[in-house]
Amino acid sequence: MLIYFITIGLLISVLLKDYNSDKGKFNTNKAIHGIILVLLIFKFLVGFRQLGWVLRHSERFYELFHKQIGLLSPAVTLTHSIVIILAYSTGGILVVRMASRKDKARRQFLTLLPVFVFTESMDFYKGFVGEEGYVGNHYVPLAIGFVFAGVLCSIIHLIYRSVFMQKFFQQKEVNVE
């Protein structure tokens, strides 16, 4: 938990330093951007923790995640676990880069959003169904997870693809040059 507070503190200090360079412009953008980044960093820090655990316990990782869960074969479950760890770690790096308003990081993050929809919907399904089995229709929890993840990622996509957010990121690059 301490790592979350340290990371949030660093993120806020980077945001404040960057925001002071605008001299009072883009206040709404700054607030929206800051809130989204704080929420995303909470989500993506898990990827770094999981990546560290996997590097230290690779044989245990295979044992824990190579198993049948609902409709998902052991190979799919293992592949999903690897993809989610890599996606979260990459997302965490991009969020930190987005704190400095790097437009390239914003664009890369937007291209990663479909991966998050897929991994989050599969994660929801795995959590809902569990290892002990599920008696109902397996497509319902998969669809619910897809809808929830799709809506959240669509909102983030719409915000960061909007003209006002694009200008916000591009203004930073103009000020640097």
Protein backbone atom coordinates (compact mmCIF):
# COMPACT_ATOMS: atom_id res chain seq x y z
CA MET A 1 0.00 0.00 0.00
CA LEU A 2 2.93 2.30 0.67
CA ILE A 3 3.99 2.04 -2.97
CA TYR A 4 0.58 3.39 -4.00
CA PHE A 5 0.95 6.47 -1.83
CA ILE A 6 4.53 7.08 -3.00
CA THR A 7 3.51 6.70 -6.64
CA ILE A 8 0.46 8.95 -6.24
CA GLY A 9 2.66 11.54 -4.50
CA LEU A 10 5.17 11.43 -7.36
CA LEU A 11 2.38 11.57 -9.92
CA ILE A 12 0.83 14.61 -8.25
CA SER A 13 4.20 16.38 -8.05
CA VAL A 14 4.83 15.77 -11.77
CA LEU A 15 1.31 16.97 -12.59
CA LEU A 16 1.66 20.13 -10.49
CA LYS A 17 5.04 20.96 -12.00
CA ASP A 18 3.64 20.46 -15.49
CA TYR A 19 0.42 22.34 -14.75
CA ASN A 20 2.25 25.38 -13.40
CA SER A 21 3.87 25.87 -16.81
CA ASP A 22 0.45 26.70 -18.35
CA LYS A 23 -0.14 29.80 -16.23
CA GLY A 24 -3.83 29.19 -15.54
CA LYS A 25 -4.89 27.72 -18.90
CA PHE A 26 -6.64 24.38 -19.40
CA ASN A 27 -7.94 24.11 -15.82
CA THR A 28 -10.79 21.74 -16.71
CA ASN A 29 -8.45 19.56 -18.75
CA LYS A 30 -5.96 19.45 -15.89
CA ALA A 31 -8.61 18.33 -13.41
CA ILE A 32 -10.01 15.62 -15.69
CA HIS A 33 -6.54 14.43 -16.68
CA GLY A 34 -5.34 14.32 -13.06
CA ILE A 35 -8.36 12.36 -11.81
CA ILE A 36 -8.13 9.82 -14.62
CA LEU A 37 -4.39 9.33 -14.11
CA VAL A 38 -4.77 8.76 -10.37
CA LEU A 39 -7.49 6.17 -10.96
CA LEU A 40 -5.48 4.46 -13.69
CA ILE A 41 -2.30 4.32 -11.63
CA PHE A 42 -4.20 2.45 -8.91
CA LYS A 43 -5.29 -0.07 -11.53
CA PHE A 44 -1.94 -0.49 -13.26
CA LEU A 45 0.39 -0.68 -10.28
CA VAL A 46 -0.96 -4.19 -9.77
CA GLY A 47 0.77 -5.18 -13.03
CA PHE A 48 4.19 -4.24 -11.70
CA ARG A 49 3.59 -6.14 -8.47
CA GLN A 50 2.41 -9.19 -10.42
CA LEU A 51 5.33 -8.96 -12.83
CA GLY A 52 7.78 -8.94 -9.91
CA TRP A 53 6.04 -11.93 -8.38
CA VAL A 54 6.11 -13.86 -11.67
CA LEU A 55 9.82 -13.20 -12.15
CA ARG A 56 10.53 -14.59 -8.68
CA HIS A 57 8.06 -17.52 -8.83
CA SER A 58 7.79 -18.57 -12.48
CA GLU A 59 7.20 -22.28 -11.79
CA ARG A 60 4.49 -21.46 -9.22
CA PHE A 61 2.90 -19.04 -11.73
CA TYR A 62 2.52 -21.85 -14.25
CA GLU A 63 1.04 -24.11 -11.59
CA LEU A 64 -1.48 -21.50 -10.43
CA PHE A 65 -2.62 -20.16 -13.79
CA HIS A 66 -2.46 -23.17 -16.13
CA LYS A 67 -5.91 -24.56 -15.32
CA GLN A 68 -9.37 -24.82 -16.80
CA ILE A 69 -11.74 -22.05 -15.72
CA GLY A 70 -15.21 -22.30 -17.19
CA LEU A 71 -15.01 -22.22 -20.96
CA LEU A 72 -11.34 -21.19 -20.90
CA SER A 73 -8.78 -23.88 -21.52
CA PRO A 74 -5.61 -23.98 -19.39
CA ALA A 75 -3.59 -22.51 -22.27
CA VAL A 76 -6.02 -19.61 -22.69
CA THR A 77 -6.08 -18.94 -18.94
CA LEU A 78 -2.27 -18.90 -18.78
CA THR A 79 -1.99 -16.70 -21.88
CA HIS A 80 -4.58 -14.30 -20.50
CA SER A 81 -2.66 -14.01 -17.24
CA ILE A 82 0.57 -13.19 -19.10
CA VAL A 83 -1.17 -10.67 -21.38
CA ILE A 84 -2.85 -8.90 -18.45
CA ILE A 85 0.44 -8.54 -16.55
CA LEU A 86 2.20 -7.14 -19.61
CA ALA A 87 -0.73 -4.85 -20.50
CA TYR A 88 -0.96 -3.48 -16.95
CA SER A 89 2.79 -2.89 -16.79
CA THR A 90 2.76 -1.14 -20.16
CA GLY A 91 -0.31 0.86 -19.12
CA GLY A 92 1.47 1.95 -15.93
CA ILE A 93 4.47 3.21 -17.89
CA LEU A 94 2.22 5.08 -20.33
CA VAL A 95 0.22 6.66 -17.48
CA VAL A 96 3.43 8.01 -15.96
CA ARG A 97 4.48 9.37 -19.37
CA MET A 98 1.01 10.88 -19.83
CA ALA A 99 1.47 12.79 -16.57
CA SER A 100 4.06 14.88 -18.42
CA ARG A 101 1.60 15.30 -21.29
CA LYS A 102 3.51 13.32 -23.86
CA ASP A 103 1.16 13.15 -26.83
CA LYS A 104 2.84 10.00 -28.11
CA ALA A 105 2.06 8.29 -24.77
CA ARG A 106 -1.57 9.42 -25.08
CA ARG A 107 -1.84 7.91 -28.55
CA GLN A 108 -0.11 4.67 -27.49
CA PHE A 109 -2.42 4.41 -24.49
CA LEU A 110 -5.45 4.80 -26.75
CA THR A 111 -4.23 1.94 -28.96
CA LEU A 112 -3.84 -0.23 -25.84
CA LEU A 113 -7.44 0.34 -24.68
CA PRO A 114 -8.93 -2.54 -26.77
CA VAL A 115 -6.47 -4.89 -25.06
CA PHE A 116 -7.77 -3.67 -21.71
CA VAL A 117 -11.37 -4.32 -22.78
CA PHE A 118 -10.44 -7.88 -23.69
CA THR A 119 -8.34 -8.58 -20.57
CA GLU A 120 -10.81 -6.98 -18.17
CA SER A 121 -13.79 -8.85 -19.62
CA MET A 122 -11.88 -12.14 -19.37
CA ASP A 123 -10.80 -11.26 -15.83
CA PHE A 124 -14.42 -10.57 -14.87
CA TYR A 125 -15.45 -13.90 -16.37
CA LYS A 126 -12.70 -15.80 -14.52
CA GLY A 127 -13.68 -14.16 -11.24
CA PHE A 128 -17.39 -14.78 -11.76
CA VAL A 129 -17.14 -18.38 -12.86
CA GLY A 130 -14.28 -19.41 -10.56
CA GLU A 131 -12.52 -22.73 -10.50
CA GLU A 132 -15.28 -24.70 -8.79
CA GLY A 133 -17.60 -24.31 -11.73
CA TYR A 134 -20.62 -22.32 -12.76
CA VAL A 135 -23.95 -23.83 -13.67
CA GLY A 136 -25.52 -20.98 -15.65
CA ASN A 137 -24.91 -19.70 -19.15
CA HIS A 138 -21.19 -18.95 -19.44
CA TYR A 139 -21.70 -16.27 -22.05
CA VAL A 140 -23.68 -14.01 -19.71
CA PRO A 141 -20.78 -13.16 -17.32
CA LEU A 142 -18.46 -12.84 -20.30
CA ALA A 143 -20.87 -10.38 -21.95
CA ILE A 144 -21.39 -8.43 -18.71
CA GLY A 145 -17.62 -8.11 -18.25
CA PHE A 146 -17.23 -7.01 -21.85
CA VAL A 147 -19.94 -4.35 -21.49
CA PHE A 148 -18.51 -2.94 -18.24
CA ALA A 149 -14.93 -2.89 -19.54
CA GLY A 150 -16.08 -1.56 -22.91
CA VAL A 151 -18.04 1.31 -21.38
CA LEU A 152 -15.19 2.35 -19.08
CA CYS A 153 -12.58 2.17 -21.82
CA SER A 154 -14.91 3.97 -24.24
CA ILE A 155 -15.31 6.86 -21.80
CA ILE A 156 -11.54 7.15 -21.40
CA HIS A 157 -11.14 6.87 -25.18
CA LEU A 158 -13.70 9.61 -25.84
CA ILE A 159 -12.08 11.92 -23.30
CA TYR A 160 -8.53 11.48 -24.60
CA ARG A 161 -9.60 11.61 -28.28
CA SER A 162 -11.61 14.78 -27.78
CA VAL A 163 -10.38 17.98 -29.38
CA PHE A 164 -9.94 19.78 -26.06
CA MET A 165 -7.72 16.99 -24.69
CA GLN A 166 -5.69 16.77 -27.91
CA LYS A 167 -5.03 20.52 -27.71
CA PHE A 168 -4.10 20.12 -24.05
CA PHE A 169 -1.44 17.54 -24.90
CA GLN A 170 -0.23 19.31 -28.03
CA GLN A 171 0.03 22.67 -26.22
CA LYS A 172 2.65 21.13 -23.94
CA GLU A 173 4.73 20.10 -26.95
CA VAL A 174 4.43 23.60 -28.46
CA ASN A 175 5.59 25.17 -25.17
CA VAL A 176 8.65 22.91 -25.07
CA GLU A 177 9.84 23.78 -28.58
